[in-house]
Amino acid sequence: MGNSNFRNTKAFCWIDERFQITALLDFLKKKSVPQYRATIWYYFGGISLLLFIIQVVSGILLLMYYKGTEDLAFESVQFINTKVNFGWLIRSIHSWSANLMVFAAFVHMFSVFFLKAYKKPRELTWYSGIVLLLLSFAFGFSGYLLPWNELAYFATKVGTDMVGQVPVVGNYLLHLLRGGEDVTGATLSRFFGFHVAVLPAIFTVFLSAHLIFIQRQGMHTPENWDKKPESEKQQIPFFPNFLLKDLLVWLIIINILAILAVFFPWELGHKANAFASAPKGIRPEWYFLFMFQIFKFLPPHILFIDGELFGITLFTIAGIVWVLIPFWGNKLKHGTRNRVLNFIGIFVIVFIIVFTILGFILD
């Protein structure tokens, strides 16, 4: 009755006449979400979206005071931390939400993998999601340098050195990222441009496509779902039931983010000095740490191949195999596919966790 009265108001009729809101509301009423024991994993896509929105809002606020030059970058962040009202909190929220977004995207990717949600007709949803994850890494890598402190400077130097090892195009990519031979103010300016303009534009395009694919194809269901009788297929309306649950999860995540930002504020450290020696404990962000640790374990040369080049080649091949799972995974027999893919997924998770922990423990 209340909904009917709302639709009869002059304000709603005025908007509906111009934007056909009634059709959208009817679509939301018909849309439903399958309810089963793995439904909880559906929320991590929404969590990633929430944290990206927080990234955008907090990033815009920081942009009002940040100066993206070699002479002023560190001082501007220091000014944000000490002089701007709640500036330290906004910066801490921005940094923590970036890390939580990557974590949520990781969980979302592995949940899609184990639930086999990449299968036909959702191949493009999987590919667009992988691109979004890679862009999240690029956000973290480009944003890490912007405070222009010691750790960021030398970590960026190490990271771009590794990019320079890529065969054929490595030297070109190195100069493209650094703006020259070394990490300088030109590198900072380029990373700043990537971080606030280029990457957000590309990310928005792929995020829009990803959301459209999901809305058009609906939520994935388990392989045995279609075999169940209709009476046993539990569905919950997307609006308002699932949406309200999603908003409750968002509220929990916001509280977790607030606690982390307040009680574990992001440190600034010392200003970068290209002539100083690298400080102890240089390491990348945690989501690059497992790769960084592997490279530390590799010998300088493996047969006739440079150790870093060998590692880059292995990770490139592994990444391509992972991305193409919808292509080759569907060619395996049903029982064999599940066993092989589940083993691969578990191995990848254990591999990442073990070498990430080693990266924190070992200097």
Protein backbone atom coordinates (compact mmCIF):
# COMPACT_ATOMS: atom_id res chain seq x y z
CA MET A 1 0.00 0.00 0.00
CA GLY A 2 2.84 2.33 0.93
CA ASN A 3 4.64 1.58 -2.34
CA SER A 4 1.45 2.30 -4.31
CA ASN A 5 0.98 5.65 -2.52
CA PHE A 6 4.61 6.55 -3.24
CA ARG A 7 4.15 5.89 -6.95
CA ASN A 8 1.12 8.21 -6.99
CA THR A 9 3.00 11.20 -5.61
CA LYS A 10 3.62 14.16 -7.90
CA ALA A 11 7.41 13.96 -7.42
CA PHE A 12 7.55 10.30 -8.46
CA CYS A 13 5.23 10.87 -11.43
CA TRP A 14 7.38 13.81 -12.57
CA ILE A 15 10.58 11.73 -12.44
CA ASP A 16 8.93 8.62 -13.88
CA GLU A 17 7.57 10.57 -16.85
CA ARG A 18 11.11 11.54 -17.82
CA PHE A 19 13.22 8.54 -16.78
CA GLN A 20 10.78 5.60 -16.68
CA ILE A 21 11.63 4.67 -13.08
CA THR A 22 8.66 2.27 -12.92
CA ALA A 23 10.34 -0.10 -15.38
CA LEU A 24 13.49 -0.16 -13.24
CA LEU A 25 11.52 -0.85 -10.03
CA ASP A 26 9.58 -3.65 -11.72
CA PHE A 27 12.89 -5.17 -12.90
CA LEU A 28 14.31 -5.04 -9.38
CA LYS A 29 11.17 -6.68 -7.97
CA LYS A 30 11.47 -9.59 -10.41
CA LYS A 31 15.24 -10.04 -9.94
CA SER A 32 16.17 -12.74 -7.42
CA VAL A 33 19.32 -14.27 -5.94
CA PRO A 34 19.80 -18.04 -5.43
CA GLN A 35 20.01 -18.94 -1.74
CA TYR A 36 22.38 -21.77 -0.81
CA ARG A 37 25.40 -22.37 1.41
CA ALA A 38 27.84 -20.53 -0.89
CA THR A 39 25.70 -17.41 -1.24
CA ILE A 40 27.97 -15.63 1.28
CA TRP A 41 30.69 -15.39 -1.37
CA TYR A 42 28.42 -13.21 -3.51
CA TYR A 43 28.99 -10.32 -1.11
CA PHE A 44 32.69 -9.90 -1.86
CA GLY A 45 32.03 -8.40 -5.27
CA GLY A 46 29.91 -5.72 -3.61
CA ILE A 47 32.57 -5.21 -0.93
CA SER A 48 35.17 -4.57 -3.63
CA LEU A 49 32.82 -2.04 -5.24
CA LEU A 50 32.23 -0.26 -1.91
CA LEU A 51 35.96 0.03 -1.22
CA PHE A 52 36.56 1.39 -4.73
CA ILE A 53 33.92 4.08 -4.09
CA ILE A 54 35.65 4.95 -0.80
CA GLN A 55 38.94 5.13 -2.73
CA VAL A 56 37.46 7.61 -5.18
CA VAL A 57 35.88 9.85 -2.52
CA SER A 58 38.92 9.87 -0.20
CA GLY A 59 41.26 10.31 -3.17
CA ILE A 60 39.36 13.40 -4.33
CA LEU A 61 39.63 14.89 -0.83
CA LEU A 62 43.38 14.22 -0.74
CA LEU A 63 43.78 15.69 -4.21
CA MET A 64 42.66 19.08 -2.89
CA TYR A 65 45.93 19.38 -0.94
CA TYR A 66 48.38 17.02 -2.64
CA LYS A 67 51.15 18.45 -4.85
CA GLY A 68 52.51 15.94 -7.37
CA THR A 69 56.03 17.29 -7.74
CA GLU A 70 59.38 16.09 -6.43
CA ASP A 71 59.89 19.22 -4.30
CA LEU A 72 56.41 19.39 -2.77
CA ALA A 73 54.93 15.86 -2.72
CA PHE A 74 56.30 14.77 0.66
CA GLU A 75 55.65 18.16 2.26
CA SER A 76 52.06 18.23 0.98
CA VAL A 77 51.34 14.80 2.47
CA GLN A 78 52.99 15.94 5.71
CA PHE A 79 50.74 19.01 5.65
CA ILE A 80 47.69 16.76 5.15
CA ASN A 81 48.75 14.62 8.11
CA THR A 82 49.48 17.46 10.54
CA LYS A 83 47.61 20.61 9.48
CA VAL A 84 44.43 19.63 7.63
CA ASN A 85 41.47 18.79 9.84
CA PHE A 86 41.11 14.98 9.84
CA GLY A 87 43.61 14.87 6.98
CA TRP A 88 45.53 12.01 8.64
CA LEU A 89 42.28 10.07 8.92
CA ILE A 90 41.32 10.57 5.26
CA ARG A 91 44.80 9.48 4.14
CA SER A 92 44.67 6.46 6.43
CA ILE A 93 41.22 5.52 5.11
CA HIS A 94 42.50 5.86 1.55
CA SER A 95 45.49 3.62 2.21
CA TRP A 96 43.62 0.97 4.19
CA SER A 97 40.71 0.84 1.75
CA ALA A 98 43.19 0.27 -1.10
CA ASN A 99 44.62 -2.78 0.67
CA LEU A 100 41.21 -4.10 1.70
CA MET A 101 39.92 -3.65 -1.86
CA VAL A 102 42.72 -5.83 -3.23
CA PHE A 103 42.05 -8.44 -0.53
CA ALA A 104 38.31 -8.45 -1.27
CA ALA A 105 39.03 -8.71 -5.00
CA PHE A 106 41.34 -11.67 -4.33
CA VAL A 107 38.63 -13.44 -2.31
CA HIS A 108 36.05 -12.64 -4.98
CA MET A 109 38.27 -14.06 -7.72
CA PHE A 110 38.95 -17.32 -5.86
CA SER A 111 35.27 -17.71 -4.93
CA VAL A 112 34.36 -17.35 -8.62
CA PHE A 113 37.06 -19.90 -9.43
CA PHE A 114 35.95 -22.56 -6.93
CA LEU A 115 32.25 -22.05 -7.68
CA LYS A 116 33.02 -22.46 -11.42
CA ALA A 117 31.25 -19.16 -12.12
CA TYR A 118 33.54 -18.50 -15.10
CA LYS A 119 31.87 -21.18 -17.23
CA LYS A 120 29.76 -20.44 -20.28
CA PRO A 121 28.11 -17.94 -20.68
CA ARG A 122 30.14 -15.96 -18.10
CA GLU A 123 33.58 -16.03 -19.74
CA LEU A 124 33.61 -12.27 -20.36
CA THR A 125 32.61 -11.62 -16.76
CA TRP A 126 35.69 -13.59 -15.66
CA TYR A 127 38.00 -11.78 -18.10
CA SER A 128 36.72 -8.33 -17.14
CA GLY A 129 37.13 -9.24 -13.46
CA ILE A 130 40.75 -10.28 -14.03
CA VAL A 131 41.41 -6.95 -15.76
CA LEU A 132 39.89 -5.12 -12.77
CA LEU A 133 42.16 -7.05 -10.38
CA LEU A 134 45.24 -6.17 -12.46
CA LEU A 135 44.15 -2.53 -12.53
CA SER A 136 43.82 -2.66 -8.73
CA PHE A 137 47.45 -3.79 -8.58
CA ALA A 138 48.38 -0.90 -10.87
CA PHE A 139 46.52 1.52 -8.57
CA GLY A 140 48.51 0.22 -5.61
CA PHE A 141 51.83 0.34 -7.45
CA SER A 142 51.33 3.87 -8.79
CA GLY A 143 49.88 5.23 -5.55
CA TYR A 144 52.68 3.79 -3.41
CA LEU A 145 55.20 6.32 -4.79
CA LEU A 146 53.03 9.43 -4.39
CA PRO A 147 54.04 10.29 -0.77
CA TRP A 148 57.65 10.38 -2.09
CA ASN A 149 59.12 8.78 1.03
CA GLU A 150 62.13 6.47 1.34
CA LEU A 151 60.30 3.16 1.32
CA ALA A 152 58.14 4.13 -1.66
CA TYR A 153 61.10 5.47 -3.63
CA PHE A 154 63.32 2.41 -3.30
CA ALA A 155 60.43 -0.06 -3.62
CA THR A 156 59.43 1.64 -6.87
CA LYS A 157 63.03 1.48 -8.06
CA VAL A 158 63.11 -2.28 -7.40
CA GLY A 159 59.71 -2.81 -9.02
CA THR A 160 60.52 -0.88 -12.18
CA ASP A 161 63.90 -2.64 -12.42
CA MET A 162 61.98 -5.91 -12.61
CA VAL A 163 59.77 -4.48 -15.37
CA GLY A 164 62.94 -3.63 -17.26
CA GLN A 165 63.83 -7.34 -17.35
CA VAL A 166 60.88 -8.17 -19.60
CA PRO A 167 62.21 -9.43 -22.96
CA VAL A 168 62.06 -7.15 -26.02
CA VAL A 169 59.82 -4.41 -24.53
CA GLY A 170 61.38 -4.23 -21.06
CA ASN A 171 63.61 -1.23 -21.72
CA TYR A 172 60.73 0.63 -23.39
CA LEU A 173 58.39 -0.08 -20.46
CA LEU A 174 61.08 1.02 -18.00
CA HIS A 175 61.44 4.39 -19.69
CA LEU A 176 57.68 4.73 -20.06
CA LEU A 177 57.17 4.26 -16.31
CA ARG A 178 60.18 6.21 -15.07
CA GLY A 179 60.25 8.95 -17.67
CA GLY A 180 63.98 8.34 -18.01
CA GLU A 181 66.77 6.08 -16.78
CA ASP A 182 66.19 6.53 -13.04
CA VAL A 183 63.35 7.12 -10.59
CA THR A 184 63.07 10.91 -10.47
CA GLY A 185 60.50 13.66 -10.27
CA ALA A 186 59.45 12.72 -13.79
CA THR A 187 58.56 9.25 -12.47
CA LEU A 188 56.48 10.81 -9.72
CA SER A 189 54.62 13.01 -12.22
CA ARG A 190 53.88 10.00 -14.45
CA PHE A 191 52.70 7.83 -11.58
CA PHE A 192 50.52 10.69 -10.36
CA GLY A 193 48.93 11.01 -13.82
CA PHE A 194 48.41 7.25 -14.05
CA HIS A 195 46.91 7.11 -10.56
CA VAL A 196 44.40 9.96 -10.78
CA ALA A 197 43.49 10.02 -14.49
CA VAL A 198 44.51 7.10 -16.71
CA LEU A 199 43.79 4.17 -14.38
CA PRO A 200 40.45 5.51 -13.03
CA ALA A 201 39.20 6.06 -16.59
CA ILE A 202 40.14 2.53 -17.70
CA PHE A 203 38.87 1.03 -14.44
CA THR A 204 35.48 2.74 -14.82
CA VAL A 205 35.03 1.31 -18.33
CA PHE A 206 35.79 -2.26 -17.27
CA LEU A 207 33.82 -1.93 -14.03
CA SER A 208 30.76 -0.76 -15.97
CA ALA A 209 31.10 -3.68 -18.39
CA HIS A 210 31.57 -6.11 -15.49
CA LEU A 211 28.42 -4.90 -13.73
CA ILE A 212 26.40 -4.99 -16.96
CA PHE A 213 27.49 -8.59 -17.61
CA ILE A 214 26.42 -9.61 -14.10
CA GLN A 215 23.05 -7.90 -14.39
CA ARG A 216 22.33 -9.42 -17.79
CA GLN A 217 23.35 -12.97 -16.85
CA GLY A 218 22.26 -13.04 -13.22
CA MET A 219 23.97 -14.76 -10.30
CA HIS A 220 25.80 -18.01 -10.93
CA THR A 221 24.29 -21.18 -9.44
CA PRO A 222 25.97 -24.51 -8.57
CA GLU A 223 26.25 -27.22 -11.20
CA ASN A 224 23.60 -29.36 -9.51
CA TRP A 225 21.17 -26.43 -9.15
CA ASP A 226 19.35 -27.08 -12.42
CA LYS A 227 18.82 -30.73 -11.45
CA LYS A 228 16.83 -29.79 -8.36
CA PRO A 229 13.03 -29.61 -8.47
CA GLU A 230 11.65 -26.10 -8.48
CA SER A 231 10.29 -26.57 -4.95
CA GLU A 232 13.84 -26.98 -3.60
CA LYS A 233 15.37 -23.99 -5.38
CA GLN A 234 15.41 -21.27 -2.76
CA GLN A 235 15.47 -17.73 -4.10
CA ILE A 236 15.46 -14.40 -2.28
CA PRO A 237 14.33 -11.16 -3.94
CA PHE A 238 17.22 -8.89 -4.85
CA PHE A 239 15.17 -5.86 -3.81
CA PRO A 240 14.89 -5.23 -0.96
CA ASN A 241 16.00 -8.50 0.76
CA PHE A 242 19.45 -9.14 -0.75
CA LEU A 243 20.14 -5.42 -1.15
CA LEU A 244 19.52 -4.82 2.58
CA LYS A 245 21.84 -7.70 3.48
CA ASP A 246 24.45 -6.25 1.12
CA LEU A 247 24.12 -2.85 2.80
CA LEU A 248 24.52 -4.49 6.23
CA VAL A 249 27.77 -6.12 5.06
CA TRP A 250 28.89 -2.72 3.73
CA LEU A 251 28.21 -1.19 7.14
CA ILE A 252 30.36 -3.86 8.81
CA ILE A 253 33.18 -3.23 6.33
CA ILE A 254 32.98 0.54 6.93
CA ASN A 255 33.31 -0.08 10.67
CA ILE A 256 36.33 -2.35 10.16
CA LEU A 257 37.90 0.26 7.88
CA ALA A 258 37.28 3.00 10.46
CA ILE A 259 38.87 0.95 13.25
CA LEU A 260 41.96 0.23 11.16
CA ALA A 261 42.27 3.87 10.05
CA VAL A 262 41.95 5.26 13.58
CA PHE A 263 44.02 2.77 15.57
CA PHE A 264 46.59 1.93 12.88
CA PRO A 265 47.17 5.20 10.99
CA TRP A 266 49.33 5.03 7.88
CA GLU A 267 52.91 6.13 8.55
CA LEU A 268 54.69 8.65 6.33
CA GLY A 269 58.34 8.01 7.16
CA HIS A 270 61.20 10.12 5.78
CA LYS A 271 61.45 12.03 2.53
CA ALA A 272 63.02 10.18 -0.39
CA ASN A 273 66.67 10.90 -1.11
CA ALA A 274 68.11 9.43 -4.30
CA PHE A 275 71.66 9.77 -2.96
CA ALA A 276 70.98 7.95 0.31
CA SER A 277 71.47 4.22 0.72
CA ALA A 278 68.35 2.06 0.66
CA PRO A 279 66.90 1.62 4.17
CA LYS A 280 66.57 -1.84 5.66
CA GLY A 281 63.33 -3.74 5.09
CA ILE A 282 62.49 -2.47 1.60
CA ARG A 283 59.54 -4.48 0.38
CA PRO A 284 56.49 -3.88 -1.83
CA GLU A 285 52.85 -3.96 -0.74
CA TRP A 286 51.68 -7.32 0.63
CA TYR A 287 49.92 -8.34 -2.62
CA PHE A 288 53.25 -8.16 -4.49
CA LEU A 289 55.24 -9.69 -1.64
CA PHE A 290 54.96 -13.36 -2.66
CA MET A 291 56.44 -12.56 -6.09
CA PHE A 292 59.11 -10.35 -4.52
CA GLN A 293 60.12 -13.18 -2.18
CA ILE A 294 60.33 -15.71 -5.00
CA PHE A 295 62.73 -13.42 -6.87
CA LYS A 296 64.91 -13.19 -3.75
CA PHE A 297 65.17 -16.99 -3.67
CA LEU A 298 66.14 -17.30 -7.34
CA PRO A 299 69.86 -17.58 -8.16
CA PRO A 300 71.47 -14.92 -10.39
CA HIS A 301 71.45 -17.33 -13.34
CA ILE A 302 69.46 -20.47 -14.12
CA LEU A 303 71.27 -22.32 -16.91
CA PHE A 304 71.86 -19.58 -19.48
CA ILE A 305 68.90 -17.40 -18.38
CA ASP A 306 69.02 -14.46 -15.98
CA GLY A 307 67.31 -15.37 -12.69
CA GLU A 308 64.88 -12.44 -12.70
CA LEU A 309 63.99 -13.05 -16.35
CA PHE A 310 63.33 -16.71 -15.54
CA GLY A 311 61.00 -15.70 -12.69
CA ILE A 312 59.16 -13.13 -14.81
CA THR A 313 58.68 -15.71 -17.56
CA LEU A 314 57.26 -18.28 -15.12
CA PHE A 315 54.85 -15.79 -13.56
CA THR A 316 53.76 -14.61 -17.03
CA ILE A 317 53.02 -18.16 -18.17
CA ALA A 318 51.20 -18.93 -14.91
CA GLY A 319 49.13 -15.74 -15.26
CA ILE A 320 48.13 -16.57 -18.83
CA VAL A 321 47.13 -20.11 -17.81
CA TRP A 322 45.04 -18.68 -14.96
CA VAL A 323 43.30 -16.11 -17.15
CA LEU A 324 42.45 -18.74 -19.79
CA ILE A 325 40.79 -21.12 -17.32
CA PRO A 326 37.35 -20.71 -18.99
CA PHE A 327 38.94 -21.81 -22.28
CA TRP A 328 40.88 -24.90 -21.21
CA GLY A 329 38.94 -25.83 -18.06
CA ASN A 330 35.76 -26.57 -20.00
CA LYS A 331 37.63 -29.02 -22.23
CA LEU A 332 38.32 -31.40 -19.34
CA LYS A 333 35.90 -34.14 -18.43
CA HIS A 334 33.47 -33.15 -15.68
CA GLY A 335 34.95 -35.21 -12.82
CA THR A 336 38.56 -34.65 -13.89
CA ARG A 337 37.93 -30.92 -14.31
CA ASN A 338 36.68 -30.43 -10.77
CA ARG A 339 39.57 -32.38 -9.22
CA VAL A 340 42.28 -30.72 -11.34
CA LEU A 341 40.94 -27.18 -11.00
CA ASN A 342 40.31 -27.47 -7.26
CA PHE A 343 43.86 -28.76 -6.77
CA ILE A 344 45.26 -25.86 -8.81
CA GLY A 345 43.21 -23.31 -6.86
CA ILE A 346 44.27 -24.69 -3.48
CA PHE A 347 47.92 -24.82 -4.60
CA VAL A 348 47.82 -21.17 -5.75
CA ILE A 349 46.27 -19.99 -2.46
CA VAL A 350 48.79 -21.92 -0.33
CA PHE A 351 51.65 -20.71 -2.53
CA ILE A 352 50.62 -17.05 -2.16
CA ILE A 353 50.07 -17.31 1.61
CA VAL A 354 53.32 -19.15 2.34
CA PHE A 355 55.57 -16.84 0.32
CA THR A 356 53.76 -13.73 1.59
CA ILE A 357 54.43 -14.83 5.18
CA LEU A 358 58.06 -15.56 4.30
CA GLY A 359 58.29 -12.09 2.78
CA PHE A 360 57.24 -10.54 6.09
CA ILE A 361 59.43 -12.79 8.22
CA LEU A 362 62.64 -12.75 6.17
CA ASP A 363 64.50 -9.52 5.39
